[in-house]
PDB file of all heavy atoms in Angstrom:
ATOM      1  N   LEU A   1      13.482 -35.981 -13.036  1.00  0.00           N
ATOM      2  CA  LEU A   1      13.805 -37.228 -12.349  1.00  0.00           C
ATOM      3  C   LEU A   1      12.602 -38.111 -12.475  1.00  0.00           C
ATOM      4  O   LEU A   1      11.467 -37.679 -12.032  1.00  0.00           O
ATOM      5  CB  LEU A   1      14.176 -36.903 -10.911  1.00  0.00           C
ATOM      6  CG  LEU A   1      14.383 -38.195 -10.038  1.00  0.00           C
ATOM      7  CD1 LEU A   1      15.647 -38.976 -10.520  1.00  0.00           C
ATOM      8  CD2 LEU A   1      14.582 -37.771  -8.532  1.00  0.00           C
ATOM      9  N   TYR A   2      12.756 -39.335 -12.932  1.00  0.00           N
ATOM     10  CA  TYR A   2      11.670 -40.285 -13.047  1.00  0.00           C
ATOM     11  C   TYR A   2      11.965 -41.384 -11.947  1.00  0.00           C
ATOM     12  O   TYR A   2      13.072 -41.878 -11.868  1.00  0.00           O
ATOM     13  CB  TYR A   2      11.598 -41.021 -14.420  1.00  0.00           C
ATOM     14  CG  TYR A   2      11.377 -40.092 -15.488  1.00  0.00           C
ATOM     15  CD1 TYR A   2      12.345 -39.370 -16.168  1.00  0.00           C
ATOM     16  CD2 TYR A   2      10.054 -40.005 -16.017  1.00  0.00           C
ATOM     17  CE1 TYR A   2      12.094 -38.577 -17.235  1.00  0.00           C
ATOM     18  CE2 TYR A   2       9.789 -39.136 -17.072  1.00  0.00           C
ATOM     19  CZ  TYR A   2      10.744 -38.416 -17.668  1.00  0.00           C
ATOM     20  OH  TYR A   2      10.498 -37.580 -18.784  1.00  0.00           O
ATOM     21  N   VAL A   3      11.003 -41.694 -11.069  1.00  0.00           N
ATOM     22  CA  VAL A   3      11.185 -42.695 -10.063  1.00  0.00           C
ATOM     23  C   VAL A   3      10.025 -43.692 -10.151  1.00  0.00           C
ATOM     24  O   VAL A   3       8.896 -43.333 -10.500  1.00  0.00           O
ATOM     25  CB  VAL A   3      11.268 -42.129  -8.668  1.00  0.00           C
ATOM     26  CG1 VAL A   3      12.452 -41.220  -8.541  1.00  0.00           C
ATOM     27  CG2 VAL A   3      10.038 -41.371  -8.243  1.00  0.00           C
ATOM     28  N   ARG A   4      10.343 -44.922  -9.799  1.00  0.00           N
ATOM     29  CA  ARG A   4       9.321 -45.971  -9.860  1.00  0.00           C
ATOM     30  C   ARG A   4       9.683 -46.923  -8.657  1.00  0.00           C
ATOM     31  O   ARG A   4      10.613 -47.734  -8.710  1.00  0.00           O
ATOM     32  CB  ARG A   4       9.387 -46.780 -11.148  1.00  0.00           C
ATOM     33  CG  ARG A   4       8.417 -47.962 -11.119  1.00  0.00           C
ATOM     34  CD  ARG A   4       8.554 -48.759 -12.375  1.00  0.00           C
ATOM     35  NE  ARG A   4       8.284 -48.043 -13.654  1.00  0.00           N
ATOM     36  CZ  ARG A   4       8.766 -48.301 -14.794  1.00  0.00           C
ATOM     37  NH1 ARG A   4       9.484 -49.434 -14.935  1.00  0.00           N
ATOM     38  NH2 ARG A   4       8.469 -47.522 -15.844  1.00  0.00           N
ATOM     39  N   PRO A   5       8.840 -46.821  -7.558  1.00  0.00           N
ATOM     40  CA  PRO A   5       9.022 -47.751  -6.465  1.00  0.00           C
ATOM     41  C   PRO A   5       8.636 -49.111  -6.957  1.00  0.00           C
ATOM     42  O   PRO A   5       7.623 -49.363  -7.552  1.00  0.00           O
ATOM     43  CB  PRO A   5       8.006 -47.252  -5.461  1.00  0.00           C
ATOM     44  CG  PRO A   5       7.721 -45.818  -5.800  1.00  0.00           C
ATOM     45  CD  PRO A   5       7.809 -45.808  -7.249  1.00  0.00           C
ATOM     46  N   LYS A   6       9.530 -50.064  -6.679  1.00  0.00           N
ATOM     47  CA  LYS A   6       9.304 -51.478  -7.032  1.00  0.00           C
ATOM     48  C   LYS A   6       8.972 -52.374  -5.861  1.00  0.00           C
ATOM     49  O   LYS A   6       8.311 -53.459  -6.060  1.00  0.00           O
ATOM     50  CB  LYS A   6      10.526 -52.073  -7.742  1.00  0.00           C
ATOM     51  CG  LYS A   6      10.927 -51.310  -8.971  1.00  0.00           C
ATOM     52  CD  LYS A   6       9.890 -51.295 -10.057  1.00  0.00           C
ATOM     53  CE  LYS A   6       9.925 -52.554 -10.921  1.00  0.00           C
ATOM     54  NZ  LYS A   6       8.960 -52.609 -11.946  1.00  0.00           N
ATOM     55  N   SER A   7       9.311 -52.032  -4.726  1.00  0.00           N
ATOM     56  CA  SER A   7       9.057 -52.773  -3.498  1.00  0.00           C
ATOM     57  C   SER A   7       9.219 -51.776  -2.295  1.00  0.00           C
ATOM     58  O   SER A   7       9.430 -50.617  -2.477  1.00  0.00           O
ATOM     59  CB  SER A   7       9.958 -53.956  -3.358  1.00  0.00           C
ATOM     60  OG  SER A   7      11.372 -53.544  -3.286  1.00  0.00           O
ATOM     61  N   LYS A   8       9.137 -52.336  -1.090  1.00  0.00           N
ATOM     62  CA  LYS A   8       9.194 -51.483   0.117  1.00  0.00           C
ATOM     63  C   LYS A   8      10.451 -50.552  -0.097  1.00  0.00           C
ATOM     64  O   LYS A   8      11.478 -50.993  -0.502  1.00  0.00           O
ATOM     65  CB  LYS A   8       9.331 -52.252   1.324  1.00  0.00           C
ATOM     66  CG  LYS A   8       8.029 -52.996   1.718  1.00  0.00           C
ATOM     67  CD  LYS A   8       8.087 -53.570   3.061  1.00  0.00           C
ATOM     68  CE  LYS A   8       6.756 -54.278   3.368  1.00  0.00           C
ATOM     69  NZ  LYS A   8       6.023 -53.597   4.378  1.00  0.00           N
ATOM     70  N   LEU A   9      10.256 -49.295   0.329  1.00  0.00           N
ATOM     71  CA  LEU A   9      11.328 -48.286   0.190  1.00  0.00           C
ATOM     72  C   LEU A   9      12.366 -48.502   1.293  1.00  0.00           C
ATOM     73  O   LEU A   9      12.078 -48.800   2.404  1.00  0.00           O
ATOM     74  CB  LEU A   9      10.720 -46.852   0.351  1.00  0.00           C
ATOM     75  CG  LEU A   9       9.490 -46.593  -0.563  1.00  0.00           C
ATOM     76  CD1 LEU A   9       9.003 -45.200  -0.291  1.00  0.00           C
ATOM     77  CD2 LEU A   9       9.950 -46.761  -2.006  1.00  0.00           C
ATOM     78  N   GLU A  10      13.676 -48.459   0.791  1.00  0.00           N
ATOM     79  CA  GLU A  10      14.785 -48.731   1.654  1.00  0.00           C
ATOM     80  C   GLU A  10      15.526 -47.429   1.957  1.00  0.00           C
ATOM     81  O   GLU A  10      15.456 -46.524   1.154  1.00  0.00           O
ATOM     82  CB  GLU A  10      15.662 -49.725   0.975  1.00  0.00           C
ATOM     83  CG  GLU A  10      15.045 -51.081   0.667  1.00  0.00           C
ATOM     84  CD  GLU A  10      15.863 -52.021  -0.186  1.00  0.00           C
ATOM     85  OE1 GLU A  10      17.062 -51.761  -0.279  1.00  0.00           O
ATOM     86  OE2 GLU A  10      15.365 -52.943  -0.715  1.00  0.00           O
ATOM     87  N   GLU A  11      16.236 -47.362   3.081  1.00  0.00           N
ATOM     88  CA  GLU A  11      16.965 -46.103   3.374  1.00  0.00           C
ATOM     89  C   GLU A  11      18.000 -45.776   2.332  1.00  0.00           C
ATOM     90  O   GLU A  11      18.117 -44.637   1.910  1.00  0.00           O
ATOM     91  CB  GLU A  11      17.624 -46.319   4.835  1.00  0.00           C
ATOM     92  CG  GLU A  11      18.257 -45.084   5.306  1.00  0.00           C
ATOM     93  CD  GLU A  11      18.768 -45.238   6.726  1.00  0.00           C
ATOM     94  OE1 GLU A  11      18.600 -46.376   7.280  1.00  0.00           O
ATOM     95  OE2 GLU A  11      19.261 -44.239   7.331  1.00  0.00           O
ATOM     96  N   GLY A  12      18.612 -46.783   1.851  1.00  0.00           N
ATOM     97  CA  GLY A  12      19.664 -46.598   0.716  1.00  0.00           C
ATOM     98  C   GLY A  12      19.081 -45.995  -0.502  1.00  0.00           C
ATOM     99  O   GLY A  12      19.816 -45.328  -1.337  1.00  0.00           O
ATOM    100  N   ASP A  13      17.782 -46.241  -0.763  1.00  0.00           N
ATOM    101  CA  ASP A  13      17.117 -45.683  -1.979  1.00  0.00           C
ATOM    102  C   ASP A  13      17.247 -44.174  -2.009  1.00  0.00           C
ATOM    103  O   ASP A  13      17.549 -43.648  -3.058  1.00  0.00           O
ATOM    104  CB  ASP A  13      15.644 -46.038  -2.054  1.00  0.00           C
ATOM    105  CG  ASP A  13      15.325 -47.496  -2.246  1.00  0.00           C
ATOM    106  OD1 ASP A  13      16.263 -48.225  -2.780  1.00  0.00           O
ATOM    107  OD2 ASP A  13      14.252 -47.914  -1.831  1.00  0.00           O
ATOM    108  N   PHE A  14      17.076 -43.505  -0.898  1.00  0.00           N
ATOM    109  CA  PHE A  14      17.138 -42.092  -0.804  1.00  0.00           C
ATOM    110  C   PHE A  14      18.499 -41.592  -0.829  1.00  0.00           C
ATOM    111  O   PHE A  14      18.783 -40.395  -1.350  1.00  0.00           O
ATOM    112  CB  PHE A  14      16.262 -41.574   0.338  1.00  0.00           C
ATOM    113  CG  PHE A  14      14.871 -42.146   0.229  1.00  0.00           C
ATOM    114  CD1 PHE A  14      14.436 -43.206   0.973  1.00  0.00           C
ATOM    115  CD2 PHE A  14      14.004 -41.567  -0.709  1.00  0.00           C
ATOM    116  CE1 PHE A  14      13.129 -43.655   0.766  1.00  0.00           C
ATOM    117  CE2 PHE A  14      12.672 -42.006  -0.836  1.00  0.00           C
ATOM    118  CZ  PHE A  14      12.315 -43.121  -0.102  1.00  0.00           C
ATOM    119  N   VAL A  15      19.467 -42.291  -0.393  1.00  0.00           N
ATOM    120  CA  VAL A  15      20.855 -41.968  -0.399  1.00  0.00           C
ATOM    121  C   VAL A  15      21.304 -41.904  -1.942  1.00  0.00           C
ATOM    122  O   VAL A  15      21.891 -40.968  -2.377  1.00  0.00           O
ATOM    123  CB  VAL A  15      21.764 -42.875   0.328  1.00  0.00           C
ATOM    124  CG1 VAL A  15      23.243 -42.639   0.098  1.00  0.00           C
ATOM    125  CG2 VAL A  15      21.443 -42.754   1.854  1.00  0.00           C
ATOM    126  N   GLN A  16      20.844 -42.956  -2.680  1.00  0.00           N
ATOM    127  CA  GLN A  16      21.204 -43.136  -4.140  1.00  0.00           C
ATOM    128  C   GLN A  16      20.458 -41.893  -4.903  1.00  0.00           C
ATOM    129  O   GLN A  16      21.024 -41.371  -5.802  1.00  0.00           O
ATOM    130  CB  GLN A  16      20.757 -44.477  -4.652  1.00  0.00           C
ATOM    131  CG  GLN A  16      21.562 -45.542  -4.110  1.00  0.00           C
ATOM    132  CD  GLN A  16      23.073 -45.410  -4.498  1.00  0.00           C
ATOM    133  OE1 GLN A  16      23.414 -45.038  -5.568  1.00  0.00           O
ATOM    134  NE2 GLN A  16      23.946 -45.697  -3.485  1.00  0.00           N
ATOM    135  N   LEU A  17      19.222 -41.676  -4.608  1.00  0.00           N
ATOM    136  CA  LEU A  17      18.552 -40.598  -5.260  1.00  0.00           C
ATOM    137  C   LEU A  17      19.205 -39.280  -5.097  1.00  0.00           C
ATOM    138  O   LEU A  17      19.370 -38.495  -6.035  1.00  0.00           O
ATOM    139  CB  LEU A  17      17.035 -40.465  -4.793  1.00  0.00           C
ATOM    140  CG  LEU A  17      16.109 -41.446  -5.337  1.00  0.00           C
ATOM    141  CD1 LEU A  17      14.650 -41.287  -4.733  1.00  0.00           C
ATOM    142  CD2 LEU A  17      15.948 -41.356  -6.854  1.00  0.00           C
ATOM    143  N   ALA A  18      19.667 -38.973  -3.879  1.00  0.00           N
ATOM    144  CA  ALA A  18      20.339 -37.754  -3.521  1.00  0.00           C
ATOM    145  C   ALA A  18      21.645 -37.702  -4.297  1.00  0.00           C
ATOM    146  O   ALA A  18      21.925 -36.628  -4.916  1.00  0.00           O
ATOM    147  CB  ALA A  18      20.582 -37.666  -2.023  1.00  0.00           C
ATOM    148  N   LYS A  19      22.359 -38.791  -4.359  1.00  0.00           N
ATOM    149  CA  LYS A  19      23.668 -38.755  -5.141  1.00  0.00           C
ATOM    150  C   LYS A  19      23.350 -38.591  -6.625  1.00  0.00           C
ATOM    151  O   LYS A  19      24.140 -37.907  -7.283  1.00  0.00           O
ATOM    152  CB  LYS A  19      24.371 -40.165  -5.018  1.00  0.00           C
ATOM    153  CG  LYS A  19      25.053 -40.326  -3.692  1.00  0.00           C
ATOM    154  CD  LYS A  19      25.712 -41.690  -3.627  1.00  0.00           C
ATOM    155  CE  LYS A  19      26.399 -41.996  -2.341  1.00  0.00           C
ATOM    156  NZ  LYS A  19      27.074 -43.321  -2.286  1.00  0.00           N
ATOM    157  N   ALA A  20      22.205 -39.050  -7.123  1.00  0.00           N
ATOM    158  CA  ALA A  20      21.883 -38.923  -8.504  1.00  0.00           C
ATOM    159  C   ALA A  20      21.518 -37.458  -8.896  1.00  0.00           C
ATOM    160  O   ALA A  20      21.797 -37.026  -9.975  1.00  0.00           O
ATOM    161  CB  ALA A  20      20.764 -39.864  -8.942  1.00  0.00           C
ATOM    162  N   VAL A  21      20.864 -36.783  -7.966  1.00  0.00           N
ATOM    163  CA  VAL A  21      20.311 -35.435  -8.265  1.00  0.00           C
ATOM    164  C   VAL A  21      21.075 -34.261  -7.723  1.00  0.00           C
ATOM    165  O   VAL A  21      20.996 -33.164  -8.242  1.00  0.00           O
ATOM    166  CB  VAL A  21      18.796 -35.317  -7.921  1.00  0.00           C
ATOM    167  CG1 VAL A  21      18.045 -36.345  -8.678  1.00  0.00           C
ATOM    168  CG2 VAL A  21      18.628 -35.375  -6.444  1.00  0.00           C
ATOM    169  N   ASP A  22      21.829 -34.425  -6.647  1.00  0.00           N
ATOM    170  CA  ASP A  22      22.421 -33.289  -5.995  1.00  0.00           C
ATOM    171  C   ASP A  22      23.363 -32.456  -6.822  1.00  0.00           C
ATOM    172  O   ASP A  22      23.274 -31.202  -6.872  1.00  0.00           O
ATOM    173  CB  ASP A  22      23.075 -33.669  -4.689  1.00  0.00           C
ATOM    174  CG  ASP A  22      22.121 -33.955  -3.587  1.00  0.00           C
ATOM    175  OD1 ASP A  22      20.858 -33.647  -3.687  1.00  0.00           O
ATOM    176  OD2 ASP A  22      22.580 -34.453  -2.503  1.00  0.00           O
ATOM    177  N   SER A  23      24.274 -33.106  -7.610  1.00  0.00           N
ATOM    178  CA  SER A  23      25.201 -32.396  -8.479  1.00  0.00           C
ATOM    179  C   SER A  23      24.371 -31.737  -9.538  1.00  0.00           C
ATOM    180  O   SER A  23      24.810 -30.598 -10.024  1.00  0.00           O
ATOM    181  CB  SER A  23      26.267 -33.343  -8.954  1.00  0.00           C
ATOM    182  OG  SER A  23      25.756 -34.377  -9.736  1.00  0.00           O
ATOM    183  N   HIS A  24      23.350 -32.338 -10.104  1.00  0.00           N
ATOM    184  CA  HIS A  24      22.552 -31.754 -11.145  1.00  0.00           C
ATOM    185  C   HIS A  24      21.835 -30.494 -10.697  1.00  0.00           C
ATOM    186  O   HIS A  24      21.868 -29.483 -11.382  1.00  0.00           O
ATOM    187  CB  HIS A  24      21.590 -32.830 -11.694  1.00  0.00           C
ATOM    188  CG  HIS A  24      20.672 -32.291 -12.780  1.00  0.00           C
ATOM    189  ND1 HIS A  24      21.104 -32.132 -14.121  1.00  0.00           N
ATOM    190  CD2 HIS A  24      19.449 -31.776 -12.761  1.00  0.00           C
ATOM    191  CE1 HIS A  24      20.129 -31.656 -14.828  1.00  0.00           C
ATOM    192  NE2 HIS A  24      19.131 -31.434 -14.077  1.00  0.00           N
ATOM    193  N   ILE A  25      21.276 -30.597  -9.420  1.00  0.00           N
ATOM    194  CA  ILE A  25      20.643 -29.444  -8.889  1.00  0.00           C
ATOM    195  C   ILE A  25      21.691 -28.305  -8.643  1.00  0.00           C
ATOM    196  O   ILE A  25      21.350 -27.089  -8.912  1.00  0.00           O
ATOM    197  CB  ILE A  25      19.880 -29.836  -7.565  1.00  0.00           C
ATOM    198  CG1 ILE A  25      18.636 -30.744  -7.927  1.00  0.00           C
ATOM    199  CG2 ILE A  25      19.519 -28.652  -6.789  1.00  0.00           C
ATOM    200  CD1 ILE A  25      17.954 -31.303  -6.665  1.00  0.00           C
ATOM    201  N   GLU A  26      22.798 -28.700  -8.164  1.00  0.00           N
ATOM    202  CA  GLU A  26      23.842 -27.683  -7.909  1.00  0.00           C
ATOM    203  C   GLU A  26      24.239 -26.926  -9.228  1.00  0.00           C
ATOM    204  O   GLU A  26      24.429 -25.713  -9.247  1.00  0.00           O
ATOM    205  CB  GLU A  26      25.102 -28.331  -7.309  1.00  0.00           C
ATOM    206  CG  GLU A  26      26.090 -27.346  -6.774  1.00  0.00           C
ATOM    207  CD  GLU A  26      27.226 -28.091  -6.005  1.00  0.00           C
ATOM    208  OE1 GLU A  26      26.878 -28.811  -5.098  1.00  0.00           O
ATOM    209  OE2 GLU A  26      28.380 -27.766  -6.341  1.00  0.00           O
ATOM    210  N   GLU A  27      24.329 -27.743 -10.282  1.00  0.00           N
ATOM    211  CA  GLU A  27      24.604 -27.174 -11.626  1.00  0.00           C
ATOM    212  C   GLU A  27      23.495 -26.318 -12.185  1.00  0.00           C
ATOM    213  O   GLU A  27      23.684 -25.187 -12.662  1.00  0.00           O
ATOM    214  CB  GLU A  27      24.826 -28.300 -12.583  1.00  0.00           C
ATOM    215  CG  GLU A  27      26.244 -28.520 -13.101  1.00  0.00           C
ATOM    216  CD  GLU A  27      26.264 -29.721 -14.038  1.00  0.00           C
ATOM    217  OE1 GLU A  27      25.436 -29.742 -14.997  1.00  0.00           O
ATOM    218  OE2 GLU A  27      27.118 -30.642 -13.814  1.00  0.00           O
ATOM    219  N   ARG A  28      22.276 -26.805 -12.097  1.00  0.00           N
ATOM    220  CA  ARG A  28      21.143 -26.175 -12.744  1.00  0.00           C
ATOM    221  C   ARG A  28      20.246 -25.300 -11.824  1.00  0.00           C
ATOM    222  O   ARG A  28      19.414 -24.542 -12.284  1.00  0.00           O
ATOM    223  CB  ARG A  28      20.158 -27.215 -13.390  1.00  0.00           C
ATOM    224  CG  ARG A  28      20.830 -28.197 -14.389  1.00  0.00           C
ATOM    225  CD  ARG A  28      20.948 -27.602 -15.797  1.00  0.00           C
ATOM    226  NE  ARG A  28      19.706 -27.445 -16.458  1.00  0.00           N
ATOM    227  CZ  ARG A  28      19.092 -28.210 -17.324  1.00  0.00           C
ATOM    228  NH1 ARG A  28      19.695 -29.389 -17.590  1.00  0.00           N
ATOM    229  NH2 ARG A  28      18.048 -27.941 -17.886  1.00  0.00           N
ATOM    230  N   GLY A  29      20.439 -25.498 -10.504  1.00  0.00           N
ATOM    231  CA  GLY A  29      19.637 -24.695  -9.593  1.00  0.00           C
ATOM    232  C   GLY A  29      18.413 -25.386  -9.101  1.00  0.00           C
ATOM    233  O   GLY A  29      17.870 -25.088  -8.054  1.00  0.00           O
ATOM    234  N   SER A  30      17.873 -26.318  -9.862  1.00  0.00           N
ATOM    235  CA  SER A  30      16.648 -27.055  -9.568  1.00  0.00           C
ATOM    236  C   SER A  30      16.491 -28.222 -10.516  1.00  0.00           C
ATOM    237  O   SER A  30      17.188 -28.313 -11.486  1.00  0.00           O
ATOM    238  CB  SER A  30      15.478 -26.075  -9.564  1.00  0.00           C
ATOM    239  OG  SER A  30      15.245 -25.667 -10.914  1.00  0.00           O
ATOM    240  N   LEU A  31      15.426 -28.992 -10.237  1.00  0.00           N
ATOM    241  CA  LEU A  31      14.891 -29.922 -11.216  1.00  0.00           C
ATOM    242  C   LEU A  31      13.680 -29.328 -11.777  1.00  0.00           C
ATOM    243  O   LEU A  31      12.807 -28.744 -11.103  1.00  0.00           O
ATOM    244  CB  LEU A  31      14.489 -31.237 -10.488  1.00  0.00           C
ATOM    245  CG  LEU A  31      15.670 -32.229 -10.156  1.00  0.00           C
ATOM    246  CD1 LEU A  31      15.065 -33.366  -9.282  1.00  0.00           C
ATOM    247  CD2 LEU A  31      16.349 -32.784 -11.319  1.00  0.00           C
ATOM    248  N   ALA A  32      13.470 -29.506 -13.127  1.00  0.00           N
ATOM    249  CA  ALA A  32      12.243 -29.002 -13.755  1.00  0.00           C
ATOM    250  C   ALA A  32      11.057 -29.873 -13.274  1.00  0.00           C
ATOM    251  O   ALA A  32       9.947 -29.421 -13.185  1.00  0.00           O
ATOM    252  CB  ALA A  32      12.371 -29.053 -15.288  1.00  0.00           C
ATOM    253  N   GLY A  33      11.322 -31.135 -12.975  1.00  0.00           N
ATOM    254  CA  GLY A  33      10.245 -32.015 -12.594  1.00  0.00           C
ATOM    255  C   GLY A  33      10.609 -33.320 -11.950  1.00  0.00           C
ATOM    256  O   GLY A  33      11.748 -33.753 -12.184  1.00  0.00           O
ATOM    257  N   LEU A  34       9.727 -33.948 -11.285  1.00  0.00           N
ATOM    258  CA  LEU A  34       9.778 -35.243 -10.631  1.00  0.00           C
ATOM    259  C   LEU A  34       8.539 -35.986 -11.144  1.00  0.00           C
ATOM    260  O   LEU A  34       7.429 -35.546 -10.920  1.00  0.00           O
ATOM    261  CB  LEU A  34       9.812 -35.180  -9.198  1.00  0.00           C
ATOM    262  CG  LEU A  34       9.678 -36.438  -8.374  1.00  0.00           C
ATOM    263  CD1 LEU A  34      10.760 -37.454  -8.678  1.00  0.00           C
ATOM    264  CD2 LEU A  34       9.538 -36.150  -6.834  1.00  0.00           C
ATOM    265  N   ILE A  35       8.716 -37.091 -11.713  1.00  0.00           N
ATOM    266  CA  ILE A  35       7.609 -37.952 -12.139  1.00  0.00           C
ATOM    267  C   ILE A  35       7.711 -39.272 -11.448  1.00  0.00           C
ATOM    268  O   ILE A  35       8.694 -39.995 -11.475  1.00  0.00           O
ATOM    269  CB  ILE A  35       7.601 -38.161 -13.663  1.00  0.00           C
ATOM    270  CG1 ILE A  35       7.436 -36.826 -14.400  1.00  0.00           C
ATOM    271  CG2 ILE A  35       6.446 -39.175 -14.064  1.00  0.00           C
ATOM    272  CD1 ILE A  35       7.418 -36.946 -15.873  1.00  0.00           C
ATOM    273  N   ILE A  36       6.652 -39.505 -10.610  1.00  0.00           N
ATOM    274  CA  ILE A  36       6.589 -40.790  -9.868  1.00  0.00           C
ATOM    275  C   ILE A  36       5.586 -41.653 -10.526  1.00  0.00           C
ATOM    276  O   ILE A  36       4.402 -41.380 -10.683  1.00  0.00           O
ATOM    277  CB  ILE A  36       6.085 -40.513  -8.439  1.00  0.00           C
ATOM    278  CG1 ILE A  36       7.059 -39.410  -7.759  1.00  0.00           C
ATOM    279  CG2 ILE A  36       6.024 -41.769  -7.572  1.00  0.00           C
ATOM    280  CD1 ILE A  36       6.476 -38.798  -6.533  1.00  0.00           C
ATOM    281  N   GLU A  37       6.081 -42.853 -10.912  1.00  0.00           N
ATOM    282  CA  GLU A  37       5.121 -43.874 -11.469  1.00  0.00           C
ATOM    283  C   GLU A  37       4.953 -45.008 -10.419  1.00  0.00           C
ATOM    284  O   GLU A  37       5.904 -45.583  -9.995  1.00  0.00           O
ATOM    285  CB  GLU A  37       5.772 -44.468 -12.738  1.00  0.00           C
ATOM    286  CG  GLU A  37       4.905 -45.446 -13.446  1.00  0.00           C
ATOM    287  CD  GLU A  37       5.518 -46.147 -14.647  1.00  0.00           C
ATOM    288  OE1 GLU A  37       6.452 -45.419 -15.233  1.00  0.00           O
ATOM    289  OE2 GLU A  37       5.088 -47.162 -15.062  1.00  0.00           O
ATOM    290  N   VAL A  38       3.713 -45.105 -10.003  1.00  0.00           N
ATOM    291  CA  VAL A  38       3.445 -46.025  -8.906  1.00  0.00           C
ATOM    292  C   VAL A  38       2.022 -46.646  -9.056  1.00  0.00           C
ATOM    293  O   VAL A  38       1.145 -46.026  -9.524  1.00  0.00           O
ATOM    294  CB  VAL A  38       3.531 -45.319  -7.595  1.00  0.00           C
ATOM    295  CG1 VAL A  38       2.509 -44.206  -7.452  1.00  0.00           C
ATOM    296  CG2 VAL A  38       3.527 -46.178  -6.417  1.00  0.00           C
ATOM    297  N   THR A  39       1.941 -47.970  -8.740  1.00  0.00           N
ATOM    298  CA  THR A  39       0.574 -48.609  -8.787  1.00  0.00           C
ATOM    299  C   THR A  39      -0.006 -48.542  -7.436  1.00  0.00           C
ATOM    300  O   THR A  39      -1.218 -48.546  -7.310  1.00  0.00           O
ATOM    301  CB  THR A  39       0.769 -50.098  -9.224  1.00  0.00           C
ATOM    302  OG1 THR A  39       1.672 -50.736  -8.405  1.00  0.00           O
ATOM    303  CG2 THR A  39       1.172 -50.118 -10.687  1.00  0.00           C
ATOM    304  N   SER A  40       0.861 -48.575  -6.360  1.00  0.00           N
ATOM    305  CA  SER A  40       0.409 -48.451  -5.004  1.00  0.00           C
ATOM    306  C   SER A  40       1.556 -48.073  -4.110  1.00  0.00           C
ATOM    307  O   SER A  40       2.685 -48.342  -4.498  1.00  0.00           O
ATOM    308  CB  SER A  40      -0.315 -49.767  -4.454  1.00  0.00           C
ATOM    309  OG  SER A  40       0.693 -50.802  -4.338  1.00  0.00           O
ATOM    310  N   PHE A  41       1.242 -47.407  -3.002  1.00  0.00           N
ATOM    311  CA  PHE A  41       2.401 -47.101  -2.088  1.00  0.00           C
ATOM    312  C   PHE A  41       2.887 -48.363  -1.428  1.00  0.00           C
ATOM    313  O   PHE A  41       2.174 -48.916  -0.720  1.00  0.00           O
ATOM    314  CB  PHE A  41       1.973 -45.992  -1.086  1.00  0.00           C
ATOM    315  CG  PHE A  41       3.009 -45.515  -0.188  1.00  0.00           C
ATOM    316  CD1 PHE A  41       4.099 -44.810  -0.631  1.00  0.00           C
ATOM    317  CD2 PHE A  41       3.047 -45.921   1.111  1.00  0.00           C
ATOM    318  CE1 PHE A  41       5.118 -44.389   0.133  1.00  0.00           C
ATOM    319  CE2 PHE A  41       3.995 -45.536   1.925  1.00  0.00           C
ATOM    320  CZ  PHE A  41       5.100 -44.776   1.470  1.00  0.00           C
ATOM    321  N   PRO A  42       4.182 -48.705  -1.659  1.00  0.00           N
ATOM    322  CA  PRO A  42       4.673 -50.016  -1.108  1.00  0.00           C
ATOM    323  C   PRO A  42       5.036 -49.980   0.365  1.00  0.00           C
ATOM    324  O   PRO A  42       5.322 -50.997   0.936  1.00  0.00           O
ATOM    325  CB  PRO A  42       5.913 -50.235  -1.969  1.00  0.00           C
ATOM    326  CG  PRO A  42       6.374 -48.897  -2.294  1.00  0.00           C
ATOM    327  CD  PRO A  42       5.188 -48.060  -2.513  1.00  0.00           C
ATOM    328  N   GLY A  43       5.058 -48.825   0.972  1.00  0.00           N
ATOM    329  CA  GLY A  43       5.493 -48.651   2.375  1.00  0.00           C
ATOM    330  C   GLY A  43       7.000 -48.625   2.524  1.00  0.00           C
ATOM    331  O   GLY A  43       7.744 -48.521   1.543  1.00  0.00           O
ATOM    332  N   TRP A  44       7.510 -48.606   3.721  1.00  0.00           N
ATOM    333  CA  TRP A  44       8.891 -48.593   4.053  1.00  0.00           C
ATOM    334  C   TRP A  44       9.366 -49.872   4.625  1.00  0.00           C
ATOM    335  O   TRP A  44       8.699 -50.534   5.331  1.00  0.00           O
ATOM    336  CB  TRP A  44       9.209 -47.422   5.011  1.00  0.00           C
ATOM    337  CG  TRP A  44       8.836 -46.044   4.484  1.00  0.00           C
ATOM    338  CD1 TRP A  44       9.506 -45.320   3.633  1.00  0.00           C
ATOM    339  CD2 TRP A  44       7.549 -45.356   4.819  1.00  0.00           C
ATOM    340  NE1 TRP A  44       8.788 -44.121   3.448  1.00  0.00           N
ATOM    341  CE2 TRP A  44       7.694 -44.106   4.186  1.00  0.00           C
ATOM    342  CE3 TRP A  44       6.474 -45.629   5.673  1.00  0.00           C
ATOM    343  CZ2 TRP A  44       6.650 -43.155   4.288  1.00  0.00           C
ATOM    344  CZ3 TRP A  44       5.492 -44.659   5.755  1.00  0.00           C
ATOM    345  CH2 TRP A  44       5.597 -43.439   5.019  1.00  0.00           C
ATOM    346  N   GLU A  45      10.623 -50.218   4.406  1.00  0.00           N
ATOM    347  CA  GLU A  45      11.231 -51.393   4.911  1.00  0.00           C
ATOM    348  C   GLU A  45      11.506 -51.274   6.390  1.00  0.00           C
ATOM    349  O   GLU A  45      11.426 -52.246   7.160  1.00  0.00           O
ATOM    350  CB  GLU A  45      12.531 -51.685   4.159  1.00  0.00           C
ATOM    351  CG  GLU A  45      13.216 -52.990   4.616  1.00  0.00           C
ATOM    352  CD  GLU A  45      14.420 -53.264   3.777  1.00  0.00           C
ATOM    353  OE1 GLU A  45      15.427 -52.498   4.020  1.00  0.00           O
ATOM    354  OE2 GLU A  45      14.366 -54.189   2.927  1.00  0.00           O
ATOM    355  N   SER A  46      11.770 -50.051   6.848  1.00  0.00           N
ATOM    356  CA  SER A  46      12.131 -49.834   8.232  1.00  0.00           C
ATOM    357  C   SER A  46      11.838 -48.352   8.649  1.00  0.00           C
ATOM    358  O   SER A  46      11.553 -47.475   7.783  1.00  0.00           O
ATOM    359  CB  SER A  46      13.645 -50.104   8.420  1.00  0.00           C
ATOM    360  OG  SER A  46      14.433 -49.185   7.740  1.00  0.00           O
TER     361      SER A  46
END
């Protein structure tokens, strides 16, 4: 899973990430890796 925060993190971001990976994890048992590309931590919207 490759992730790149573009602006303040939103609650829906993590719902979407879970939807994207949960079925894959269920199929494969795990993710081999997570790569986070970030220039600075943008903080949270709420």
